[in-house]
Amino acid sequence: MKPLANLLVHSAFTAAGCALFCAAASAQTADKQDGGTTHVVMRDGGVNEVLQSIYIPPLLNAPFTATVHTEWTRPMMGGGTYTFVNKRQVARDSHGRIYEQRVMLAPRGSESDSNLYLIQIADPNAHTLYNCYLKQTPHRCYLQNYSETPEMVYKPAIGTTGPLPDNAGFRTHEDLGIRTIEGIDTRGTRDTSNLNAGVMGSDQPFTSHREFWYATTLGINLYSELVNPNVGKQAFTLSDIGLAEADPKLFELPDGFAVVDERKPPVERPE
């Protein structure tokens, strides 16, 4: 499992949820027939795709709880779109500890509470990250190192207006001003990239943009979207935002889960 900062995010699905959205490359199905002969059905092709969700830094004295809504809309060949969605709970306490649910994406209209498959608990002070798999038997939480600290400076990725390297095209940066979302002031930014033909294998020019509305007091985006021909449109919206201290029970490991320590021992340096 990747660190919390890089995992799908990590949010939506991994190979475990791929049946909802994609086919595993070079999949094989074994079927043992009478006489002891094993027939293996091989399938080429397919893609494993991972959606990167919002990023929550371990800030001190900025507690919150919220629901993250993810919506991924992609074009269909010949016209039309298909959309996958999920929603999940997130929280952070005044000590910078982070709680995140991970929920598999599902076609719009078929969402289910059963799609919750992982709980993550990060502690920047103890430098620990627990990944607790709810559908795995026996129940286990895998312990990893968590390297991020509250002392780090966290800021959103903001582009600049000007030509892109290697004659790839041109990017335009826009300041969208102030917008209040659920009583919290956010500042909006949009970066639009006009890319030339030949970039990323395209035979025509194309445009992509990334927009987010950043809450300085919380250090997170309350709304963000990415529009790109490769991925369609990805939108992330936070709702039910509470600014009170998060419930301490959120940062406790689930009952009955064994801990598997996957941390690597520190490397000893020669004196």
C-alpha atoms as a PDB file:
ATOM      1  CA  MET A   1       0.000   0.000   0.000  1.00  0.00           C
ATOM      2  CA  LYS A   2       1.327   3.409  -0.946  1.00  0.00           C
ATOM      3  CA  PRO A   3       1.703   6.217   1.588  1.00  0.00           C
ATOM      4  CA  LEU A   4      -1.432   8.180   2.329  1.00  0.00           C
ATOM      5  CA  ALA A   5      -0.271  11.152   0.321  1.00  0.00           C
ATOM      6  CA  ASN A   6       0.071   9.134  -2.885  1.00  0.00           C
ATOM      7  CA  LEU A   7      -2.560   6.474  -2.525  1.00  0.00           C
ATOM      8  CA  LEU A   8      -5.796   6.769  -4.433  1.00  0.00           C
ATOM      9  CA  VAL A   9      -6.265   7.275  -3.502  1.00  0.00           C
ATOM     10  CA  HIS A  10      -6.376   6.323  -3.812  1.00  0.00           C
ATOM     11  CA  SER A  11      -9.903   6.671  -2.966  1.00  0.00           C
ATOM     12  CA  ALA A  12     -11.850   4.764  -5.359  1.00  0.00           C
ATOM     13  CA  PHE A  13     -10.647   1.374  -6.352  1.00  0.00           C
ATOM     14  CA  THR A  14      -7.619  -0.793  -6.880  1.00  0.00           C
ATOM     15  CA  ALA A  15      -7.294  -4.194  -8.475  1.00  0.00           C
ATOM     16  CA  ALA A  16      -9.777  -5.468  -5.895  1.00  0.00           C
ATOM     17  CA  GLY A  17     -12.470  -3.248  -7.333  1.00  0.00           C
ATOM     18  CA  CYS A  18     -11.350  -3.469 -10.936  1.00  0.00           C
ATOM     19  CA  ALA A  19     -14.263  -5.693 -11.919  1.00  0.00           C
ATOM     20  CA  LEU A  20     -16.431  -2.622 -11.581  1.00  0.00           C
ATOM     21  CA  PHE A  21     -14.498  -0.643 -14.100  1.00  0.00           C
ATOM     22  CA  CYS A  22     -11.691  -2.375 -15.925  1.00  0.00           C
ATOM     23  CA  ALA A  23     -10.200  -5.665 -17.020  1.00  0.00           C
ATOM     24  CA  ALA A  24      -6.958  -6.961 -15.612  1.00  0.00           C
ATOM     25  CA  ALA A  25      -4.174  -7.206 -18.154  1.00  0.00           C
ATOM     26  CA  SER A  26      -3.261 -10.726 -19.300  1.00  0.00           C
ATOM     27  CA  ALA A  27      -5.917 -12.295 -17.088  1.00  0.00           C
ATOM     28  CA  GLN A  28      -5.887 -16.067 -16.730  1.00  0.00           C
ATOM     29  CA  THR A  29      -8.609 -18.464 -15.629  1.00  0.00           C
ATOM     30  CA  ALA A  30      -7.677 -22.027 -14.722  1.00  0.00           C
ATOM     31  CA  ASP A  31     -10.212 -24.834 -15.108  1.00  0.00           C
ATOM     32  CA  LYS A  32      -9.196 -28.363 -14.155  1.00  0.00           C
ATOM     33  CA  GLN A  33     -10.950 -30.913 -16.350  1.00  0.00           C
ATOM     34  CA  ASP A  34     -11.551 -34.651 -15.885  1.00  0.00           C
ATOM     35  CA  GLY A  35      -8.386 -36.636 -16.311  1.00  0.00           C
ATOM     36  CA  GLY A  36      -6.246 -34.087 -14.507  1.00  0.00           C
ATOM     37  CA  THR A  37      -5.700 -31.775 -17.482  1.00  0.00           C
ATOM     38  CA  THR A  38      -5.706 -28.078 -16.573  1.00  0.00           C
ATOM     39  CA  HIS A  39      -6.973 -25.691 -19.227  1.00  0.00           C
ATOM     40  CA  VAL A  40      -5.886 -22.065 -18.838  1.00  0.00           C
ATOM     41  CA  VAL A  41      -7.942 -19.406 -20.611  1.00  0.00           C
ATOM     42  CA  MET A  42      -5.726 -16.413 -21.397  1.00  0.00           C
ATOM     43  CA  ARG A  43      -6.962 -12.904 -22.204  1.00  0.00           C
ATOM     44  CA  ASP A  44      -4.740 -10.118 -23.462  1.00  0.00           C
ATOM     45  CA  GLY A  45      -5.361  -6.446 -22.918  1.00  0.00           C
ATOM     46  CA  GLY A  46      -7.179  -4.447 -20.298  1.00  0.00           C
ATOM     47  CA  VAL A  47      -6.203  -1.589 -18.018  1.00  0.00           C
ATOM     48  CA  ASN A  48      -5.964  -1.129 -14.265  1.00  0.00           C
ATOM     49  CA  GLU A  49      -6.829   2.475 -13.468  1.00  0.00           C
ATOM     50  CA  VAL A  50      -6.557   4.287 -10.153  1.00  0.00           C
ATOM     51  CA  LEU A  51      -8.313   7.544  -9.380  1.00  0.00           C
ATOM     52  CA  GLN A  52      -6.376  10.007  -7.239  1.00  0.00           C
ATOM     53  CA  SER A  53      -8.708  11.677  -4.740  1.00  0.00           C
ATOM     54  CA  ILE A  54      -8.288  14.747  -2.520  1.00  0.00           C
ATOM     55  CA  TYR A  55      -5.169  15.210  -0.435  1.00  0.00           C
ATOM     56  CA  ILE A  56      -5.407  15.931   3.301  1.00  0.00           C
ATOM     57  CA  PRO A  57      -2.226  17.233   4.987  1.00  0.00           C
ATOM     58  CA  PRO A  58      -1.523  16.615   8.707  1.00  0.00           C
ATOM     59  CA  LEU A  59      -2.046  20.203   9.879  1.00  0.00           C
ATOM     60  CA  LEU A  60      -2.195  21.019  13.579  1.00  0.00           C
ATOM     61  CA  ASN A  61      -5.104  22.847  15.211  1.00  0.00           C
ATOM     62  CA  ALA A  62      -7.319  22.594  12.130  1.00  0.00           C
ATOM     63  CA  PRO A  63      -9.785  19.806  12.942  1.00  0.00           C
ATOM     64  CA  PHE A  64     -12.658  18.942  10.641  1.00  0.00           C
ATOM     65  CA  THR A  65     -14.975  16.150   9.522  1.00  0.00           C
ATOM     66  CA  ALA A  66     -16.531  15.902   6.078  1.00  0.00           C
ATOM     67  CA  THR A  67     -17.989  13.693   3.365  1.00  0.00           C
ATOM     68  CA  VAL A  68     -16.059  13.489   0.093  1.00  0.00           C
ATOM     69  CA  HIS A  69     -18.181  12.970  -3.023  1.00  0.00           C
ATOM     70  CA  THR A  70     -16.356  11.679  -6.100  1.00  0.00           C
ATOM     71  CA  GLU A  71     -17.826  11.730  -9.595  1.00  0.00           C
ATOM     72  CA  TRP A  72     -15.919  10.430 -12.624  1.00  0.00           C
ATOM     73  CA  THR A  73     -17.580  10.950 -16.015  1.00  0.00           C
ATOM     74  CA  ARG A  74     -15.994   9.540 -19.155  1.00  0.00           C
ATOM     75  CA  PRO A  75     -17.010   9.688 -22.820  1.00  0.00           C
ATOM     76  CA  MET A  76     -18.248   6.642 -24.694  1.00  0.00           C
ATOM     77  CA  MET A  77     -17.199   5.896 -28.251  1.00  0.00           C
ATOM     78  CA  GLY A  78     -19.962   7.009 -30.556  1.00  0.00           C
ATOM     79  CA  GLY A  79     -21.345   9.523 -28.084  1.00  0.00           C
ATOM     80  CA  GLY A  80     -22.719   9.601 -24.559  1.00  0.00           C
ATOM     81  CA  THR A  81     -20.978   9.224 -21.217  1.00  0.00           C
ATOM     82  CA  TYR A  82     -20.776   6.852 -18.289  1.00  0.00           C
ATOM     83  CA  THR A  83     -20.304   7.974 -14.703  1.00  0.00           C
ATOM     84  CA  PHE A  84     -18.875   6.279 -11.621  1.00  0.00           C
ATOM     85  CA  VAL A  85     -19.330   7.717  -8.131  1.00  0.00           C
ATOM     86  CA  ASN A  86     -18.625   7.152  -4.473  1.00  0.00           C
ATOM     87  CA  LYS A  87     -18.774   8.977  -1.167  1.00  0.00           C
ATOM     88  CA  ARG A  88     -16.624   8.480   1.903  1.00  0.00           C
ATOM     89  CA  GLN A  89     -15.975   9.943   5.346  1.00  0.00           C
ATOM     90  CA  VAL A  90     -12.793  11.815   6.243  1.00  0.00           C
ATOM     91  CA  ALA A  91     -11.604  13.582   9.384  1.00  0.00           C
ATOM     92  CA  ARG A  92      -8.607  15.256  10.997  1.00  0.00           C
ATOM     93  CA  ASP A  93      -8.092  16.131  14.645  1.00  0.00           C
ATOM     94  CA  SER A  94      -6.174  18.977  16.286  1.00  0.00           C
ATOM     95  CA  HIS A  95      -3.065  16.775  16.547  1.00  0.00           C
ATOM     96  CA  GLY A  96      -2.948  16.325  12.778  1.00  0.00           C
ATOM     97  CA  ARG A  97      -4.142  12.726  12.811  1.00  0.00           C
ATOM     98  CA  ILE A  98      -6.082  11.785   9.665  1.00  0.00           C
ATOM     99  CA  TYR A  99      -8.928   9.310   9.222  1.00  0.00           C
ATOM    100  CA  GLU A 100     -10.042   8.302   5.730  1.00  0.00           C
ATOM    101  CA  GLN A 101     -12.461   5.740   4.387  1.00  0.00           C
ATOM    102  CA  ARG A 102     -11.731   4.184   1.006  1.00  0.00           C
ATOM    103  CA  VAL A 103     -14.719   3.184  -1.098  1.00  0.00           C
ATOM    104  CA  MET A 104     -14.801   1.451  -4.485  1.00  0.00           C
ATOM    105  CA  LEU A 105     -16.320   3.421  -7.329  1.00  0.00           C
ATOM    106  CA  ALA A 106     -19.669   2.177  -8.580  1.00  0.00           C
ATOM    107  CA  PRO A 107     -21.853   3.075 -11.559  1.00  0.00           C
ATOM    108  CA  ARG A 108     -24.122   5.991 -10.709  1.00  0.00           C
ATOM    109  CA  GLY A 109     -27.327   4.657  -9.198  1.00  0.00           C
ATOM    110  CA  SER A 110     -25.775   1.470  -7.831  1.00  0.00           C
ATOM    111  CA  GLU A 111     -23.843   2.878  -4.862  1.00  0.00           C
ATOM    112  CA  SER A 112     -23.793   0.676  -1.755  1.00  0.00           C
ATOM    113  CA  ASP A 113     -22.399   0.853   1.760  1.00  0.00           C
ATOM    114  CA  SER A 114     -20.810  -2.526   1.016  1.00  0.00           C
ATOM    115  CA  ASN A 115     -18.318  -0.777  -1.296  1.00  0.00           C
ATOM    116  CA  LEU A 116     -16.374   0.438   1.758  1.00  0.00           C
ATOM    117  CA  TYR A 117     -13.259  -1.732   1.794  1.00  0.00           C
ATOM    118  CA  LEU A 118     -10.485   0.139   3.628  1.00  0.00           C
ATOM    119  CA  ILE A 119      -9.942   2.476   6.572  1.00  0.00           C
ATOM    120  CA  GLN A 120      -6.731   4.485   6.868  1.00  0.00           C
ATOM    121  CA  ILE A 121      -5.465   6.127  10.036  1.00  0.00           C
ATOM    122  CA  ALA A 122      -2.359   8.302   9.878  1.00  0.00           C
ATOM    123  CA  ASP A 123      -0.527   9.807  12.857  1.00  0.00           C
ATOM    124  CA  PRO A 124       2.165  12.354  11.894  1.00  0.00           C
ATOM    125  CA  ASN A 125       3.506  12.491  15.443  1.00  0.00           C
ATOM    126  CA  ALA A 126       4.026   8.730  15.791  1.00  0.00           C
ATOM    127  CA  HIS A 127       4.897   8.506  12.057  1.00  0.00           C
ATOM    128  CA  THR A 128       2.443   5.635  11.594  1.00  0.00           C
ATOM    129  CA  LEU A 129      -0.061   4.748   8.882  1.00  0.00           C
ATOM    130  CA  TYR A 130      -2.536   1.903   9.396  1.00  0.00           C
ATOM    131  CA  ASN A 131      -4.328   0.384   6.408  1.00  0.00           C
ATOM    132  CA  CYS A 132      -7.226  -1.702   7.746  1.00  0.00           C
ATOM    133  CA  TYR A 133      -8.884  -3.935   5.145  1.00  0.00           C
ATOM    134  CA  LEU A 134     -12.502  -4.555   6.039  1.00  0.00           C
ATOM    135  CA  LYS A 135     -13.190  -7.322   3.513  1.00  0.00           C
ATOM    136  CA  GLN A 136     -10.053  -9.339   4.185  1.00  0.00           C
ATOM    137  CA  THR A 137     -10.222 -12.467   6.337  1.00  0.00           C
ATOM    138  CA  PRO A 138      -8.698 -12.624   8.880  1.00  0.00           C
ATOM    139  CA  HIS A 139      -9.119  -8.920   9.630  1.00  0.00           C
ATOM    140  CA  ARG A 140      -5.803  -7.102   9.616  1.00  0.00           C
ATOM    141  CA  CYS A 141      -4.372  -3.596   9.797  1.00  0.00           C
ATOM    142  CA  TYR A 142      -1.072  -3.168   7.978  1.00  0.00           C
ATOM    143  CA  LEU A 143       1.277  -0.733   9.698  1.00  0.00           C
ATOM    144  CA  GLN A 144       3.582   1.419   7.564  1.00  0.00           C
ATOM    145  CA  ASN A 145       5.798   4.425   8.077  1.00  0.00           C
ATOM    146  CA  TYR A 146       4.165   7.831   7.628  1.00  0.00           C
ATOM    147  CA  SER A 147       6.819  10.369   6.731  1.00  0.00           C
ATOM    148  CA  GLU A 148       4.842  13.611   6.548  1.00  0.00           C
ATOM    149  CA  THR A 149       4.899  15.955   9.525  1.00  0.00           C
ATOM    150  CA  PRO A 150       2.921  19.023  10.661  1.00  0.00           C
ATOM    151  CA  GLU A 151       6.099  21.083  10.320  1.00  0.00           C
ATOM    152  CA  MET A 152       6.090  20.711   6.542  1.00  0.00           C
ATOM    153  CA  VAL A 153       4.713  23.592   4.476  1.00  0.00           C
ATOM    154  CA  TYR A 154       1.692  22.466   2.464  1.00  0.00           C
ATOM    155  CA  LYS A 155       0.369  24.537  -0.426  1.00  0.00           C
ATOM    156  CA  PRO A 156      -1.740  23.835  -3.511  1.00  0.00           C
ATOM    157  CA  ALA A 157      -0.102  23.292  -6.892  1.00  0.00           C
ATOM    158  CA  ILE A 158      -0.662  26.536  -8.808  1.00  0.00           C
ATOM    159  CA  GLY A 159       0.493  26.959 -12.387  1.00  0.00           C
ATOM    160  CA  THR A 160       1.668  30.033 -14.237  1.00  0.00           C
ATOM    161  CA  THR A 161       0.657  31.579 -17.542  1.00  0.00           C
ATOM    162  CA  GLY A 162       3.060  30.967 -20.393  1.00  0.00           C
ATOM    163  CA  PRO A 163       4.357  28.485 -22.975  1.00  0.00           C
ATOM    164  CA  LEU A 164       4.841  24.870 -21.923  1.00  0.00           C
ATOM    165  CA  PRO A 165       8.275  23.197 -22.274  1.00  0.00           C
ATOM    166  CA  ASP A 166       9.313  21.495 -25.519  1.00  0.00           C
ATOM    167  CA  ASN A 167       6.743  23.413 -27.579  1.00  0.00           C
ATOM    168  CA  ALA A 168       3.962  21.331 -26.016  1.00  0.00           C
ATOM    169  CA  GLY A 169       1.492  24.207 -25.976  1.00  0.00           C
ATOM    170  CA  PHE A 170       0.387  27.070 -23.753  1.00  0.00           C
ATOM    171  CA  ARG A 171      -0.985  27.233 -20.209  1.00  0.00           C
ATOM    172  CA  THR A 172      -3.250  29.959 -18.821  1.00  0.00           C
ATOM    173  CA  HIS A 173      -3.553  30.556 -15.070  1.00  0.00           C
ATOM    174  CA  GLU A 174      -6.685  32.266 -13.708  1.00  0.00           C
ATOM    175  CA  ASP A 175      -7.497  33.552 -10.238  1.00  0.00           C
ATOM    176  CA  LEU A 176     -11.242  32.938  -9.796  1.00  0.00           C
ATOM    177  CA  GLY A 177     -11.585  34.986  -6.615  1.00  0.00           C
ATOM    178  CA  ILE A 178     -13.302  34.156  -3.336  1.00  0.00           C
ATOM    179  CA  ARG A 179     -16.249  31.752  -2.939  1.00  0.00           C
ATOM    180  CA  THR A 180     -17.934  30.627   0.257  1.00  0.00           C
ATOM    181  CA  ILE A 181     -18.578  26.882   0.489  1.00  0.00           C
ATOM    182  CA  GLU A 182     -20.560  25.661   3.508  1.00  0.00           C
ATOM    183  CA  GLY A 183     -19.662  28.835   5.377  1.00  0.00           C
ATOM    184  CA  ILE A 184     -15.921  28.535   4.658  1.00  0.00           C
ATOM    185  CA  ASP A 185     -14.041  31.014   2.444  1.00  0.00           C
ATOM    186  CA  THR A 186     -12.161  29.446  -0.442  1.00  0.00           C
ATOM    187  CA  ARG A 187     -10.047  30.891  -3.243  1.00  0.00           C
ATOM    188  CA  GLY A 188     -10.532  29.478  -6.719  1.00  0.00           C
ATOM    189  CA  THR A 189      -7.843  28.787  -9.286  1.00  0.00           C
ATOM    190  CA  ARG A 190      -8.061  27.380 -12.802  1.00  0.00           C
ATOM    191  CA  ASP A 191      -5.135  26.282 -14.966  1.00  0.00           C
ATOM    192  CA  THR A 192      -6.004  25.606 -18.608  1.00  0.00           C
ATOM    193  CA  SER A 193      -3.521  23.862 -20.909  1.00  0.00           C
ATOM    194  CA  ASN A 194      -3.893  24.057 -24.698  1.00  0.00           C
ATOM    195  CA  LEU A 195      -1.727  21.244 -26.014  1.00  0.00           C
ATOM    196  CA  ASN A 196      -0.425  20.866 -29.547  1.00  0.00           C
ATOM    197  CA  ALA A 197      -1.009  17.872 -31.787  1.00  0.00           C
ATOM    198  CA  GLY A 198       1.510  15.106 -31.121  1.00  0.00           C
ATOM    199  CA  VAL A 199       1.628  15.707 -27.366  1.00  0.00           C
ATOM    200  CA  MET A 200       0.858  12.481 -25.481  1.00  0.00           C
ATOM    201  CA  GLY A 201       0.346  10.713 -28.814  1.00  0.00           C
ATOM    202  CA  SER A 202      -2.624  12.837 -29.874  1.00  0.00           C
ATOM    203  CA  ASP A 203      -3.284  13.463 -33.577  1.00  0.00           C
ATOM    204  CA  GLN A 204      -5.111  16.741 -32.851  1.00  0.00           C
ATOM    205  CA  PRO A 205      -4.675  19.656 -30.451  1.00  0.00           C
ATOM    206  CA  PHE A 206      -6.644  19.345 -27.214  1.00  0.00           C
ATOM    207  CA  THR A 207      -7.405  21.283 -24.060  1.00  0.00           C
ATOM    208  CA  SER A 208      -7.389  20.236 -20.414  1.00  0.00           C
ATOM    209  CA  HIS A 209      -8.002  22.171 -17.236  1.00  0.00           C
ATOM    210  CA  ARG A 210      -7.701  21.778 -13.476  1.00  0.00           C
ATOM    211  CA  GLU A 211      -9.802  23.886 -11.131  1.00  0.00           C
ATOM    212  CA  PHE A 212      -9.890  23.926  -7.345  1.00  0.00           C
ATOM    213  CA  TRP A 213     -11.344  25.963  -4.501  1.00  0.00           C
ATOM    214  CA  TYR A 214      -8.863  25.972  -1.639  1.00  0.00           C
ATOM    215  CA  ALA A 215      -9.737  26.650   2.021  1.00  0.00           C
ATOM    216  CA  THR A 216      -6.673  28.221   3.623  1.00  0.00           C
ATOM    217  CA  THR A 217      -7.965  27.646   7.166  1.00  0.00           C
ATOM    218  CA  LEU A 218      -8.199  23.890   6.578  1.00  0.00           C
ATOM    219  CA  GLY A 219      -5.406  23.404   4.041  1.00  0.00           C
ATOM    220  CA  ILE A 220      -7.634  21.375   1.688  1.00  0.00           C
ATOM    221  CA  ASN A 221      -9.669  21.859  -1.473  1.00  0.00           C
ATOM    222  CA  LEU A 222     -13.411  21.925  -0.817  1.00  0.00           C
ATOM    223  CA  TYR A 223     -14.098  21.492  -4.517  1.00  0.00           C
ATOM    224  CA  SER A 224     -11.780  20.431  -7.322  1.00  0.00           C
ATOM    225  CA  GLU A 225     -12.143  19.129 -10.842  1.00  0.00           C
ATOM    226  CA  LEU A 226      -9.946  17.827 -13.612  1.00  0.00           C
ATOM    227  CA  VAL A 227     -11.120  17.785 -17.239  1.00  0.00           C
ATOM    228  CA  ASN A 228      -8.891  15.973 -19.699  1.00  0.00           C
ATOM    229  CA  PRO A 229      -9.586  13.894 -22.827  1.00  0.00           C
ATOM    230  CA  ASN A 230      -7.620  11.033 -21.265  1.00  0.00           C
ATOM    231  CA  VAL A 231      -9.743  10.788 -18.132  1.00  0.00           C
ATOM    232  CA  GLY A 232     -12.948  12.693 -18.895  1.00  0.00           C
ATOM    233  CA  LYS A 233     -14.086  14.774 -15.923  1.00  0.00           C
ATOM    234  CA  GLN A 234     -13.179  14.037 -12.316  1.00  0.00           C
ATOM    235  CA  ALA A 235     -14.938  16.128  -9.655  1.00  0.00           C
ATOM    236  CA  PHE A 236     -14.484  16.061  -5.866  1.00  0.00           C
ATOM    237  CA  THR A 237     -16.882  17.875  -3.555  1.00  0.00           C
ATOM    238  CA  LEU A 238     -16.795  18.110   0.250  1.00  0.00           C
ATOM    239  CA  SER A 239     -20.081  18.349   2.129  1.00  0.00           C
ATOM    240  CA  ASP A 240     -21.320  18.102   5.720  1.00  0.00           C
ATOM    241  CA  ILE A 241     -18.198  19.928   6.865  1.00  0.00           C
ATOM    242  CA  GLY A 242     -17.875  20.204  10.639  1.00  0.00           C
ATOM    243  CA  LEU A 243     -15.163  22.210  12.354  1.00  0.00           C
ATOM    244  CA  ALA A 244     -15.473  20.692  15.832  1.00  0.00           C
ATOM    245  CA  GLU A 245     -12.904  18.261  17.199  1.00  0.00           C
ATOM    246  CA  ALA A 246     -13.191  14.897  15.467  1.00  0.00           C
ATOM    247  CA  ASP A 247     -14.414  11.920  17.501  1.00  0.00           C
ATOM    248  CA  PRO A 248     -11.306  10.284  19.073  1.00  0.00           C
ATOM    249  CA  LYS A 249     -12.775   6.843  18.342  1.00  0.00           C
ATOM    250  CA  LEU A 250     -12.164   7.430  14.637  1.00  0.00           C
ATOM    251  CA  PHE A 251      -8.438   7.147  15.276  1.00  0.00           C
ATOM    252  CA  GLU A 252      -8.684   3.825  17.092  1.00  0.00           C
ATOM    253  CA  LEU A 253      -8.092   0.587  15.193  1.00  0.00           C
ATOM    254  CA  PRO A 254     -11.227  -1.465  14.478  1.00  0.00           C
ATOM    255  CA  ASP A 255     -12.044  -4.110  17.081  1.00  0.00           C
ATOM    256  CA  GLY A 256     -10.728  -7.569  16.334  1.00  0.00           C
ATOM    257  CA  PHE A 257      -8.111  -6.476  13.790  1.00  0.00           C
ATOM    258  CA  ALA A 258      -4.584  -7.879  14.108  1.00  0.00           C
ATOM    259  CA  VAL A 259      -1.678  -5.564  13.284  1.00  0.00           C
ATOM    260  CA  VAL A 260       0.902  -6.600  10.685  1.00  0.00           C
ATOM    261  CA  ASP A 261       3.991  -4.407  10.979  1.00  0.00           C
ATOM    262  CA  GLU A 262       5.388  -3.757   7.503  1.00  0.00           C
ATOM    263  CA  ARG A 263       7.723  -0.946   8.498  1.00  0.00           C
ATOM    264  CA  LYS A 264      11.276  -1.269   7.329  1.00  0.00           C
ATOM    265  CA  PRO A 265      13.928  -1.021  10.056  1.00  0.00           C
ATOM    266  CA  PRO A 266      16.101   2.105   9.903  1.00  0.00           C
ATOM    267  CA  VAL A 267      19.209   1.780   7.782  1.00  0.00           C
ATOM    268  CA  GLU A 268      22.355   1.747   9.891  1.00  0.00           C
ATOM    269  CA  ARG A 269      24.996   4.074   8.534  1.00  0.00           C
ATOM    270  CA  PRO A 270      28.681   3.232   9.031  1.00  0.00           C
ATOM    271  CA  GLU A 271      30.463   5.492  11.469  1.00  0.00           C
END
